[in-house]
Amino acid sequence: MLLALDVGNTNTVLGLYHIDGPEPAPGPPATGLGRGGGALVAHWRVTTHRSRTVDEYGVLFVNLFEMDGLATTQVTHIIIASVVPPVDSTLRRVCEKYFRVDPMFVEPGIKTGMPMLIDNPTELGADRLADCVSAFARYGGPCIVVDFGTATKFEVVSARGEYLGGAISPGLGISADALFNHAARLTRVDIKRPGKVIGTNTVGHLQSGIFFGYIGLVDGIIERILGELGAQAQQPRIIATGGLARMIAADSRYIQEIDEMLTLDGLRILFERNRGVRPRGRGQSEKPGAEASRTAAIHAVAVPEERKP
């Protein structure tokens, strides 16, 4: 089985997959879950702690497996997408000690099958890359992904499966925290959808402004993205993922799909594309000298034509 870990600043999400069939051919499929398939057996969400030790993480993961009647010995492969560098070495040791597996990290050099039409492909976060790969594999293109986490990320993928770029805004949780921490007379409230926009008490005022204000941010950015994309032969599919996706997406004018497993499925697809492949650095050029340009960087990240044993 494959264990996929999506390590975010607030939460770490784990997914356990059956992996069957031969190594997938390079290049993204038009639809479906990606070549090679793979059923999700179980998934868990835990808090990310930068100071947690190897054994603390190990005991936590073992207990999660045992609660679902699973054993760590069933894990034969691990892939990790992390945006929290301080925990990377800890998780590597957890994988080696408790699972007896050398993990694959989503990092410069991994084969994506997706051209990156941005200035510096190595800057793209591992979770954002997984979201884009999964969205194009599952829904086709063009598509827009909105990932609601500590930060809210907007990703844009073309009809041909190229990553065009995106935007990052403060997440709903940290936006509310900033308000509560800097306004002495405003007490912390539960973040949820209020019954109406016009509140009649301080709690209602805060919930309305935080919730509907954030809906306005999300829809405003999506609207501007759609304007920049212009007329398309096919309207972009707009997908929400992340811990707050279900709460926010229902009131959005634009979001069409909620896919809470999007990032984990992207990790599974990336694993399939990299089984048996020794990746090159994402910043390396395949050609010397003058070819080390933006175009070379694009093809160093994603070389769908390339076939390796």
C-alpha atoms as a PDB file:
ATOM      1  CA  MET A   1       0.000   0.000   0.000  1.00  0.00           C
ATOM      2  CA  LEU A   2       0.974   3.634  -0.512  1.00  0.00           C
ATOM      3  CA  LEU A   3       0.861   6.121   2.363  1.00  0.00           C
ATOM      4  CA  ALA A   4       0.498   9.733   1.181  1.00  0.00           C
ATOM      5  CA  LEU A   5       1.188  12.607   3.596  1.00  0.00           C
ATOM      6  CA  ASP A   6       0.136  16.190   2.904  1.00  0.00           C
ATOM      7  CA  VAL A   7       1.973  18.241   5.548  1.00  0.00           C
ATOM      8  CA  GLY A   8       0.511  21.724   5.933  1.00  0.00           C
ATOM      9  CA  ASN A   9       1.237  24.510   8.402  1.00  0.00           C
ATOM     10  CA  THR A  10      -1.933  23.755  10.379  1.00  0.00           C
ATOM     11  CA  ASN A  11      -2.838  20.129   9.623  1.00  0.00           C
ATOM     12  CA  THR A  12      -1.226  16.997   8.257  1.00  0.00           C
ATOM     13  CA  VAL A  13      -3.526  14.788   6.174  1.00  0.00           C
ATOM     14  CA  LEU A  14      -2.696  11.114   5.649  1.00  0.00           C
ATOM     15  CA  GLY A  15      -4.173   8.842   3.001  1.00  0.00           C
ATOM     16  CA  LEU A  16      -3.625   5.107   2.551  1.00  0.00           C
ATOM     17  CA  TYR A  17      -4.043   3.716  -0.977  1.00  0.00           C
ATOM     18  CA  HIS A  18      -4.050   0.327  -2.627  1.00  0.00           C
ATOM     19  CA  ILE A  19      -1.605   0.507  -5.527  1.00  0.00           C
ATOM     20  CA  ASP A  20      -1.995  -2.078  -8.262  1.00  0.00           C
ATOM     21  CA  GLY A  21      -1.015  -2.551 -11.880  1.00  0.00           C
ATOM     22  CA  PRO A  22       2.086  -1.667 -13.881  1.00  0.00           C
ATOM     23  CA  GLU A  23       3.994   1.588 -13.695  1.00  0.00           C
ATOM     24  CA  PRO A  24       1.976   4.313 -15.437  1.00  0.00           C
ATOM     25  CA  ALA A  25       2.967   5.693 -18.815  1.00  0.00           C
ATOM     26  CA  PRO A  26       4.210   9.310 -18.797  1.00  0.00           C
ATOM     27  CA  GLY A  27       1.772  12.148 -19.392  1.00  0.00           C
ATOM     28  CA  PRO A  28      -1.554  13.072 -17.810  1.00  0.00           C
ATOM     29  CA  PRO A  29      -4.733  11.201 -18.688  1.00  0.00           C
ATOM     30  CA  ALA A  30      -7.635  13.297 -19.904  1.00  0.00           C
ATOM     31  CA  THR A  31     -10.025  12.095 -17.221  1.00  0.00           C
ATOM     32  CA  GLY A  32     -10.299   9.651 -14.351  1.00  0.00           C
ATOM     33  CA  LEU A  33      -8.062   9.096 -11.337  1.00  0.00           C
ATOM     34  CA  GLY A  34      -4.776   8.808 -13.190  1.00  0.00           C
ATOM     35  CA  ARG A  35      -3.108   5.828 -14.782  1.00  0.00           C
ATOM     36  CA  GLY A  36      -2.597   2.898 -12.450  1.00  0.00           C
ATOM     37  CA  GLY A  37      -5.713   3.534 -10.346  1.00  0.00           C
ATOM     38  CA  GLY A  38      -5.660   3.095  -6.603  1.00  0.00           C
ATOM     39  CA  ALA A  39      -8.482   2.900  -4.063  1.00  0.00           C
ATOM     40  CA  LEU A  40      -8.364   5.070  -0.952  1.00  0.00           C
ATOM     41  CA  VAL A  41      -8.452   2.712   2.033  1.00  0.00           C
ATOM     42  CA  ALA A  42      -8.383   5.226   4.897  1.00  0.00           C
ATOM     43  CA  HIS A  43      -7.523   8.838   5.614  1.00  0.00           C
ATOM     44  CA  TRP A  44      -6.840  10.903   8.725  1.00  0.00           C
ATOM     45  CA  ARG A  45      -6.268  14.572   9.629  1.00  0.00           C
ATOM     46  CA  VAL A  46      -3.988  15.533  12.544  1.00  0.00           C
ATOM     47  CA  THR A  47      -2.426  18.760  13.803  1.00  0.00           C
ATOM     48  CA  THR A  48       1.035  19.609  12.482  1.00  0.00           C
ATOM     49  CA  HIS A  49       3.459  20.146  15.388  1.00  0.00           C
ATOM     50  CA  ARG A  50       6.932  21.369  14.475  1.00  0.00           C
ATOM     51  CA  SER A  51       8.326  20.347  17.886  1.00  0.00           C
ATOM     52  CA  ARG A  52       6.850  16.819  17.909  1.00  0.00           C
ATOM     53  CA  THR A  53       9.534  14.119  18.105  1.00  0.00           C
ATOM     54  CA  VAL A  54      10.047  11.093  15.876  1.00  0.00           C
ATOM     55  CA  ASP A  55       8.546   8.785  18.484  1.00  0.00           C
ATOM     56  CA  GLU A  56       5.573  11.079  19.146  1.00  0.00           C
ATOM     57  CA  TYR A  57       4.700  11.119  15.446  1.00  0.00           C
ATOM     58  CA  GLY A  58       5.385   7.396  15.231  1.00  0.00           C
ATOM     59  CA  VAL A  59       3.052   6.498  18.100  1.00  0.00           C
ATOM     60  CA  LEU A  60       0.352   8.768  16.664  1.00  0.00           C
ATOM     61  CA  PHE A  61       0.540   7.185  13.205  1.00  0.00           C
ATOM     62  CA  VAL A  62       0.625   3.631  14.585  1.00  0.00           C
ATOM     63  CA  ASN A  63      -2.464   4.356  16.697  1.00  0.00           C
ATOM     64  CA  LEU A  64      -4.332   5.777  13.696  1.00  0.00           C
ATOM     65  CA  PHE A  65      -3.605   2.584  11.760  1.00  0.00           C
ATOM     66  CA  GLU A  66      -4.645   0.331  14.622  1.00  0.00           C
ATOM     67  CA  MET A  67      -7.942   2.205  15.139  1.00  0.00           C
ATOM     68  CA  ASP A  68      -8.893   1.253  11.574  1.00  0.00           C
ATOM     69  CA  GLY A  69      -7.669  -2.327  11.896  1.00  0.00           C
ATOM     70  CA  LEU A  70      -4.579  -1.679   9.777  1.00  0.00           C
ATOM     71  CA  ALA A  71      -0.894  -2.373  10.336  1.00  0.00           C
ATOM     72  CA  THR A  72       2.114  -0.235   9.452  1.00  0.00           C
ATOM     73  CA  THR A  73       3.680  -3.325   7.879  1.00  0.00           C
ATOM     74  CA  GLN A  74       1.110  -3.059   5.058  1.00  0.00           C
ATOM     75  CA  VAL A  75       2.781   0.158   3.858  1.00  0.00           C
ATOM     76  CA  THR A  76       5.299  -0.510   1.093  1.00  0.00           C
ATOM     77  CA  HIS A  77       5.697   3.041  -0.276  1.00  0.00           C
ATOM     78  CA  ILE A  78       5.382   6.561   1.145  1.00  0.00           C
ATOM     79  CA  ILE A  79       5.142   9.928  -0.617  1.00  0.00           C
ATOM     80  CA  ILE A  80       5.248  13.236   1.257  1.00  0.00           C
ATOM     81  CA  ALA A  81       4.308  16.770   0.213  1.00  0.00           C
ATOM     82  CA  SER A  82       5.456  19.207   2.880  1.00  0.00           C
ATOM     83  CA  VAL A  83       5.359  22.987   3.155  1.00  0.00           C
ATOM     84  CA  VAL A  84       6.879  22.842   6.662  1.00  0.00           C
ATOM     85  CA  PRO A  85      10.629  22.206   6.192  1.00  0.00           C
ATOM     86  CA  PRO A  86      11.385  21.878   9.952  1.00  0.00           C
ATOM     87  CA  VAL A  87       9.365  18.638  10.136  1.00  0.00           C
ATOM     88  CA  ASP A  88      10.768  17.020   6.968  1.00  0.00           C
ATOM     89  CA  SER A  89      13.726  15.300   8.608  1.00  0.00           C
ATOM     90  CA  THR A  90      11.523  14.161  11.502  1.00  0.00           C
ATOM     91  CA  LEU A  91       8.988  12.588   9.151  1.00  0.00           C
ATOM     92  CA  ARG A  92      11.747  10.921   7.149  1.00  0.00           C
ATOM     93  CA  ARG A  93      12.977   9.211  10.322  1.00  0.00           C
ATOM     94  CA  VAL A  94       9.404   8.265  11.264  1.00  0.00           C
ATOM     95  CA  CYS A  95       9.015   6.539   7.903  1.00  0.00           C
ATOM     96  CA  GLU A  96      12.300   4.692   8.278  1.00  0.00           C
ATOM     97  CA  LYS A  97      11.787   3.662  11.909  1.00  0.00           C
ATOM     98  CA  TYR A  98       8.061   2.851  12.051  1.00  0.00           C
ATOM     99  CA  PHE A  99       7.306   1.847   8.456  1.00  0.00           C
ATOM    100  CA  ARG A 100      10.724   0.592   7.278  1.00  0.00           C
ATOM    101  CA  VAL A 101      10.250   2.685   4.122  1.00  0.00           C
ATOM    102  CA  ASP A 102      12.453   5.350   2.530  1.00  0.00           C
ATOM    103  CA  PRO A 103       9.907   8.065   1.632  1.00  0.00           C
ATOM    104  CA  MET A 104       9.641   9.960  -1.658  1.00  0.00           C
ATOM    105  CA  PHE A 105       9.339  13.729  -1.200  1.00  0.00           C
ATOM    106  CA  VAL A 106       7.628  16.020  -3.692  1.00  0.00           C
ATOM    107  CA  GLU A 107      10.587  18.306  -4.324  1.00  0.00           C
ATOM    108  CA  PRO A 108      12.713  19.686  -7.174  1.00  0.00           C
ATOM    109  CA  GLY A 109      13.411  16.839  -9.563  1.00  0.00           C
ATOM    110  CA  ILE A 110      10.121  14.987  -9.344  1.00  0.00           C
ATOM    111  CA  LYS A 111       8.420  14.054 -12.625  1.00  0.00           C
ATOM    112  CA  THR A 112       5.095  15.862 -12.904  1.00  0.00           C
ATOM    113  CA  GLY A 113       3.898  15.478 -16.500  1.00  0.00           C
ATOM    114  CA  MET A 114       2.713  19.103 -16.276  1.00  0.00           C
ATOM    115  CA  PRO A 115       4.539  22.004 -17.999  1.00  0.00           C
ATOM    116  CA  MET A 116       5.083  24.960 -15.652  1.00  0.00           C
ATOM    117  CA  LEU A 117       4.545  28.296 -17.387  1.00  0.00           C
ATOM    118  CA  ILE A 118       5.816  30.365 -14.452  1.00  0.00           C
ATOM    119  CA  ASP A 119       9.010  32.286 -13.767  1.00  0.00           C
ATOM    120  CA  ASN A 120      10.559  29.840 -11.278  1.00  0.00           C
ATOM    121  CA  PRO A 121       8.975  26.367 -11.115  1.00  0.00           C
ATOM    122  CA  THR A 122      11.022  25.440  -8.021  1.00  0.00           C
ATOM    123  CA  GLU A 123       9.050  27.990  -5.978  1.00  0.00           C
ATOM    124  CA  LEU A 124       5.753  26.164  -6.406  1.00  0.00           C
ATOM    125  CA  GLY A 125       4.626  24.508  -3.172  1.00  0.00           C
ATOM    126  CA  ALA A 126       4.378  20.715  -3.132  1.00  0.00           C
ATOM    127  CA  ASP A 127       0.705  20.784  -2.135  1.00  0.00           C
ATOM    128  CA  ARG A 128      -0.125  23.221  -4.947  1.00  0.00           C
ATOM    129  CA  LEU A 129       1.615  20.987  -7.468  1.00  0.00           C
ATOM    130  CA  ALA A 130      -0.316  17.944  -6.241  1.00  0.00           C
ATOM    131  CA  ASP A 131      -3.594  19.874  -6.472  1.00  0.00           C
ATOM    132  CA  CYS A 132      -2.961  20.850 -10.099  1.00  0.00           C
ATOM    133  CA  VAL A 133      -1.862  17.391 -11.223  1.00  0.00           C
ATOM    134  CA  SER A 134      -4.891  15.808  -9.561  1.00  0.00           C
ATOM    135  CA  ALA A 135      -7.379  18.391 -10.850  1.00  0.00           C
ATOM    136  CA  PHE A 136      -6.277  17.980 -14.466  1.00  0.00           C
ATOM    137  CA  ALA A 137      -6.236  14.185 -14.170  1.00  0.00           C
ATOM    138  CA  ARG A 138      -9.700  14.066 -12.624  1.00  0.00           C
ATOM    139  CA  TYR A 139     -11.548  16.919 -14.321  1.00  0.00           C
ATOM    140  CA  GLY A 140      -9.522  17.867 -17.384  1.00  0.00           C
ATOM    141  CA  GLY A 141      -8.746  21.431 -18.379  1.00  0.00           C
ATOM    142  CA  PRO A 142      -9.058  24.305 -18.195  1.00  0.00           C
ATOM    143  CA  CYS A 143      -9.619  24.301 -14.463  1.00  0.00           C
ATOM    144  CA  ILE A 144      -9.171  26.473 -11.386  1.00  0.00           C
ATOM    145  CA  VAL A 145      -8.371  24.975  -7.982  1.00  0.00           C
ATOM    146  CA  VAL A 146      -9.088  26.829  -4.729  1.00  0.00           C
ATOM    147  CA  ASP A 147      -7.347  25.183  -1.758  1.00  0.00           C
ATOM    148  CA  PHE A 148      -8.617  26.424   1.612  1.00  0.00           C
ATOM    149  CA  GLY A 149      -5.854  25.926   4.176  1.00  0.00           C
ATOM    150  CA  THR A 150      -3.695  28.127   6.390  1.00  0.00           C
ATOM    151  CA  ALA A 151      -3.400  30.178   3.217  1.00  0.00           C
ATOM    152  CA  THR A 152      -5.974  30.046   0.429  1.00  0.00           C
ATOM    153  CA  LYS A 153      -4.316  29.139  -2.866  1.00  0.00           C
ATOM    154  CA  PHE A 154      -5.754  29.669  -6.335  1.00  0.00           C
ATOM    155  CA  GLU A 155      -4.275  27.556  -9.157  1.00  0.00           C
ATOM    156  CA  VAL A 156      -4.971  27.853 -12.881  1.00  0.00           C
ATOM    157  CA  VAL A 157      -4.430  24.978 -15.348  1.00  0.00           C
ATOM    158  CA  SER A 158      -4.907  25.367 -19.094  1.00  0.00           C
ATOM    159  CA  ALA A 159      -6.918  23.150 -21.434  1.00  0.00           C
ATOM    160  CA  ARG A 160      -3.623  21.484 -22.439  1.00  0.00           C
ATOM    161  CA  GLY A 161      -2.650  20.707 -18.864  1.00  0.00           C
ATOM    162  CA  GLU A 162      -0.162  23.545 -18.383  1.00  0.00           C
ATOM    163  CA  TYR A 163       0.193  25.274 -15.033  1.00  0.00           C
ATOM    164  CA  LEU A 164      -0.399  28.960 -15.789  1.00  0.00           C
ATOM    165  CA  GLY A 165       0.041  30.412 -12.298  1.00  0.00           C
ATOM    166  CA  GLY A 166      -2.203  31.472  -9.469  1.00  0.00           C
ATOM    167  CA  ALA A 167      -2.632  33.582  -6.350  1.00  0.00           C
ATOM    168  CA  ILE A 168      -2.204  33.224  -2.586  1.00  0.00           C
ATOM    169  CA  SER A 169      -4.280  35.023   0.052  1.00  0.00           C
ATOM    170  CA  PRO A 170      -4.384  34.767   3.863  1.00  0.00           C
ATOM    171  CA  GLY A 171      -6.588  31.888   4.950  1.00  0.00           C
ATOM    172  CA  LEU A 172      -9.922  32.385   6.674  1.00  0.00           C
ATOM    173  CA  GLY A 173      -8.591  31.225  10.053  1.00  0.00           C
ATOM    174  CA  ILE A 174      -5.528  33.462  10.194  1.00  0.00           C
ATOM    175  CA  SER A 175      -7.518  36.417   8.850  1.00  0.00           C
ATOM    176  CA  ALA A 176      -9.950  36.059  11.754  1.00  0.00           C
ATOM    177  CA  ASP A 177      -7.064  35.569  14.211  1.00  0.00           C
ATOM    178  CA  ALA A 178      -5.487  38.831  13.061  1.00  0.00           C
ATOM    179  CA  LEU A 179      -8.745  40.680  13.750  1.00  0.00           C
ATOM    180  CA  PHE A 180      -9.213  39.173  17.201  1.00  0.00           C
ATOM    181  CA  ASN A 181      -5.579  39.740  18.177  1.00  0.00           C
ATOM    182  CA  HIS A 182      -5.503  43.406  17.152  1.00  0.00           C
ATOM    183  CA  ALA A 183      -8.958  44.611  18.234  1.00  0.00           C
ATOM    184  CA  ALA A 184      -9.025  44.750  22.034  1.00  0.00           C
ATOM    185  CA  ARG A 185     -12.801  44.929  22.433  1.00  0.00           C
ATOM    186  CA  LEU A 186     -13.680  42.206  19.922  1.00  0.00           C
ATOM    187  CA  THR A 187     -13.948  38.763  21.484  1.00  0.00           C
ATOM    188  CA  ARG A 188     -13.192  35.581  19.552  1.00  0.00           C
ATOM    189  CA  VAL A 189     -16.249  33.963  17.944  1.00  0.00           C
ATOM    190  CA  ASP A 190     -16.919  30.667  16.215  1.00  0.00           C
ATOM    191  CA  ILE A 191     -16.351  31.045  12.476  1.00  0.00           C
ATOM    192  CA  LYS A 192     -19.484  29.826  10.744  1.00  0.00           C
ATOM    193  CA  ARG A 193     -22.141  30.934   8.299  1.00  0.00           C
ATOM    194  CA  PRO A 194     -24.582  33.269  10.066  1.00  0.00           C
ATOM    195  CA  GLY A 195     -28.279  33.179   9.290  1.00  0.00           C
ATOM    196  CA  LYS A 196     -28.231  36.672   7.766  1.00  0.00           C
ATOM    197  CA  VAL A 197     -25.800  39.340   6.669  1.00  0.00           C
ATOM    198  CA  ILE A 198     -27.197  42.125   8.867  1.00  0.00           C
ATOM    199  CA  GLY A 199     -26.249  41.038  12.378  1.00  0.00           C
ATOM    200  CA  THR A 200     -28.090  42.324  15.452  1.00  0.00           C
ATOM    201  CA  ASN A 201     -25.315  41.774  18.012  1.00  0.00           C
ATOM    202  CA  THR A 202     -21.521  41.793  18.096  1.00  0.00           C
ATOM    203  CA  VAL A 203     -21.227  38.056  17.521  1.00  0.00           C
ATOM    204  CA  GLY A 204     -23.501  38.286  14.474  1.00  0.00           C
ATOM    205  CA  HIS A 205     -21.596  41.317  13.163  1.00  0.00           C
ATOM    206  CA  LEU A 206     -18.294  39.476  13.383  1.00  0.00           C
ATOM    207  CA  GLN A 207     -19.558  36.226  11.877  1.00  0.00           C
ATOM    208  CA  SER A 208     -21.178  38.081   8.994  1.00  0.00           C
ATOM    209  CA  GLY A 209     -18.142  40.203   8.204  1.00  0.00           C
ATOM    210  CA  ILE A 210     -15.671  37.318   8.476  1.00  0.00           C
ATOM    211  CA  PHE A 211     -17.727  34.742   6.575  1.00  0.00           C
ATOM    212  CA  PHE A 212     -19.356  36.792   3.824  1.00  0.00           C
ATOM    213  CA  GLY A 213     -16.296  38.998   3.524  1.00  0.00           C
ATOM    214  CA  TYR A 214     -14.221  35.924   2.776  1.00  0.00           C
ATOM    215  CA  ILE A 215     -16.769  34.699   0.221  1.00  0.00           C
ATOM    216  CA  GLY A 216     -16.346  38.069  -1.477  1.00  0.00           C
ATOM    217  CA  LEU A 217     -12.550  37.640  -1.521  1.00  0.00           C
ATOM    218  CA  VAL A 218     -12.779  34.170  -3.072  1.00  0.00           C
ATOM    219  CA  ASP A 219     -15.359  35.077  -5.703  1.00  0.00           C
ATOM    220  CA  GLY A 220     -13.595  38.348  -6.477  1.00  0.00           C
ATOM    221  CA  ILE A 221     -10.293  36.612  -7.244  1.00  0.00           C
ATOM    222  CA  ILE A 222     -11.996  33.867  -9.289  1.00  0.00           C
ATOM    223  CA  GLU A 223     -13.891  36.523 -11.271  1.00  0.00           C
ATOM    224  CA  ARG A 224     -10.651  38.334 -12.108  1.00  0.00           C
ATOM    225  CA  ILE A 225      -8.936  35.065 -13.084  1.00  0.00           C
ATOM    226  CA  LEU A 226     -11.809  34.274 -15.440  1.00  0.00           C
ATOM    227  CA  GLY A 227     -11.515  37.771 -16.899  1.00  0.00           C
ATOM    228  CA  GLU A 228      -7.800  37.312 -17.585  1.00  0.00           C
ATOM    229  CA  LEU A 229      -8.380  33.905 -19.164  1.00  0.00           C
ATOM    230  CA  GLY A 230     -10.907  35.465 -21.534  1.00  0.00           C
ATOM    231  CA  ALA A 231     -13.143  33.485 -23.856  1.00  0.00           C
ATOM    232  CA  GLN A 232     -12.462  29.739 -23.752  1.00  0.00           C
ATOM    233  CA  ALA A 233     -13.714  26.937 -25.955  1.00  0.00           C
ATOM    234  CA  GLN A 234     -14.707  25.313 -22.678  1.00  0.00           C
ATOM    235  CA  GLN A 235     -15.490  27.121 -19.442  1.00  0.00           C
ATOM    236  CA  PRO A 236     -12.954  26.353 -16.671  1.00  0.00           C
ATOM    237  CA  ARG A 237     -14.047  23.802 -14.090  1.00  0.00           C
ATOM    238  CA  ILE A 238     -13.654  25.336 -10.608  1.00  0.00           C
ATOM    239  CA  ILE A 239     -12.802  22.928  -7.786  1.00  0.00           C
ATOM    240  CA  ALA A 240     -12.480  23.564  -4.042  1.00  0.00           C
ATOM    241  CA  THR A 241     -10.394  21.499  -1.655  1.00  0.00           C
ATOM    242  CA  GLY A 242      -8.881  21.830   1.810  1.00  0.00           C
ATOM    243  CA  GLY A 243     -10.197  21.778   5.355  1.00  0.00           C
ATOM    244  CA  LEU A 244     -12.612  24.719   4.962  1.00  0.00           C
ATOM    245  CA  ALA A 245     -13.760  23.959   1.425  1.00  0.00           C
ATOM    246  CA  ARG A 246     -17.157  22.555   2.352  1.00  0.00           C
ATOM    247  CA  MET A 247     -18.045  25.522   4.563  1.00  0.00           C
ATOM    248  CA  ILE A 248     -17.024  28.197   2.048  1.00  0.00           C
ATOM    249  CA  ALA A 249     -17.843  26.660  -1.337  1.00  0.00           C
ATOM    250  CA  ALA A 250     -21.603  26.394  -0.812  1.00  0.00           C
ATOM    251  CA  ASP A 251     -21.989  30.190  -0.890  1.00  0.00           C
ATOM    252  CA  SER A 252     -19.584  30.833  -3.764  1.00  0.00           C
ATOM    253  CA  ARG A 253     -21.073  31.913  -7.094  1.00  0.00           C
ATOM    254  CA  TYR A 254     -18.334  30.113  -9.017  1.00  0.00           C
ATOM    255  CA  ILE A 255     -17.147  26.947  -7.253  1.00  0.00           C
ATOM    256  CA  GLN A 256     -18.671  23.868  -8.901  1.00  0.00           C
ATOM    257  CA  GLU A 257     -16.964  20.913  -7.200  1.00  0.00           C
ATOM    258  CA  ILE A 258     -15.792  20.089  -3.689  1.00  0.00           C
ATOM    259  CA  ASP A 259     -13.038  17.458  -3.685  1.00  0.00           C
ATOM    260  CA  GLU A 260     -11.564  16.980  -0.229  1.00  0.00           C
ATOM    261  CA  MET A 261      -9.184  14.237  -1.403  1.00  0.00           C
ATOM    262  CA  LEU A 262      -7.749  16.260  -4.309  1.00  0.00           C
ATOM    263  CA  THR A 263      -4.292  16.778  -2.795  1.00  0.00           C
ATOM    264  CA  LEU A 264      -3.917  13.180  -1.595  1.00  0.00           C
ATOM    265  CA  ASP A 265      -4.995  11.861  -4.998  1.00  0.00           C
ATOM    266  CA  GLY A 266      -2.436  14.178  -6.582  1.00  0.00           C
ATOM    267  CA  LEU A 267       0.263  12.643  -4.411  1.00  0.00           C
ATOM    268  CA  ARG A 268      -0.803   9.165  -5.501  1.00  0.00           C
ATOM    269  CA  ILE A 269      -0.629  10.194  -9.163  1.00  0.00           C
ATOM    270  CA  LEU A 270       2.810  11.773  -8.653  1.00  0.00           C
ATOM    271  CA  PHE A 271       3.998   8.577  -6.990  1.00  0.00           C
ATOM    272  CA  GLU A 272       2.779   6.521  -9.948  1.00  0.00           C
ATOM    273  CA  ARG A 273       4.639   8.786 -12.372  1.00  0.00           C
ATOM    274  CA  ASN A 274       7.874   8.484 -10.411  1.00  0.00           C
ATOM    275  CA  ARG A 275       8.050   4.780  -9.559  1.00  0.00           C
ATOM    276  CA  GLY A 276      11.430   3.550 -10.715  1.00  0.00           C
ATOM    277  CA  VAL A 277      12.459   7.024 -11.941  1.00  0.00           C
ATOM    278  CA  ARG A 278      15.488   8.851 -10.596  1.00  0.00           C
ATOM    279  CA  PRO A 279      14.356  12.484 -10.894  1.00  0.00           C
ATOM    280  CA  ARG A 280      16.442  15.395 -12.103  1.00  0.00           C
ATOM    281  CA  GLY A 281      16.459  18.749 -10.333  1.00  0.00           C
ATOM    282  CA  ARG A 282      13.567  20.936 -11.365  1.00  0.00           C
ATOM    283  CA  GLY A 283      15.934  23.834 -11.883  1.00  0.00           C
ATOM    284  CA  GLN A 284      18.331  21.872 -14.114  1.00  0.00           C
ATOM    285  CA  SER A 285      18.355  22.281 -17.842  1.00  0.00           C
ATOM    286  CA  GLU A 286      18.373  19.301 -20.128  1.00  0.00           C
ATOM    287  CA  LYS A 287      20.530  21.322 -22.547  1.00  0.00           C
ATOM    288  CA  PRO A 288      23.707  23.267 -21.749  1.00  0.00           C
ATOM    289  CA  GLY A 289      24.513  26.961 -21.879  1.00  0.00           C
ATOM    290  CA  ALA A 290      21.963  29.336 -23.288  1.00  0.00           C
ATOM    291  CA  GLU A 291      19.179  26.778 -22.986  1.00  0.00           C
ATOM    292  CA  ALA A 292      19.086  27.307 -19.203  1.00  0.00           C
ATOM    293  CA  SER A 293      16.210  29.702 -19.639  1.00  0.00           C
ATOM    294  CA  ARG A 294      12.553  29.855 -18.635  1.00  0.00           C
ATOM    295  CA  THR A 295      11.613  27.469 -21.427  1.00  0.00           C
ATOM    296  CA  ALA A 296      14.262  24.967 -20.316  1.00  0.00           C
ATOM    297  CA  ALA A 297      13.020  25.228 -16.745  1.00  0.00           C
ATOM    298  CA  ILE A 298       9.525  24.421 -17.927  1.00  0.00           C
ATOM    299  CA  HIS A 299      10.623  21.232 -19.658  1.00  0.00           C
ATOM    300  CA  ALA A 300      12.906  20.247 -16.803  1.00  0.00           C
ATOM    301  CA  VAL A 301       9.848  20.187 -14.569  1.00  0.00           C
ATOM    302  CA  ALA A 302       7.541  18.376 -16.897  1.00  0.00           C
ATOM    303  CA  VAL A 303       8.682  16.207 -19.760  1.00  0.00           C
ATOM    304  CA  PRO A 304       5.585  14.213 -20.727  1.00  0.00           C
ATOM    305  CA  GLU A 305       7.253  12.880 -23.869  1.00  0.00           C
ATOM    306  CA  GLU A 306      10.165  11.391 -21.957  1.00  0.00           C
ATOM    307  CA  ARG A 307      10.118   7.687 -21.209  1.00  0.00           C
ATOM    308  CA  LYS A 308      12.446   6.109 -18.696  1.00  0.00           C
ATOM    309  CA  PRO A 309      12.609   2.589 -17.370  1.00  0.00           C
END
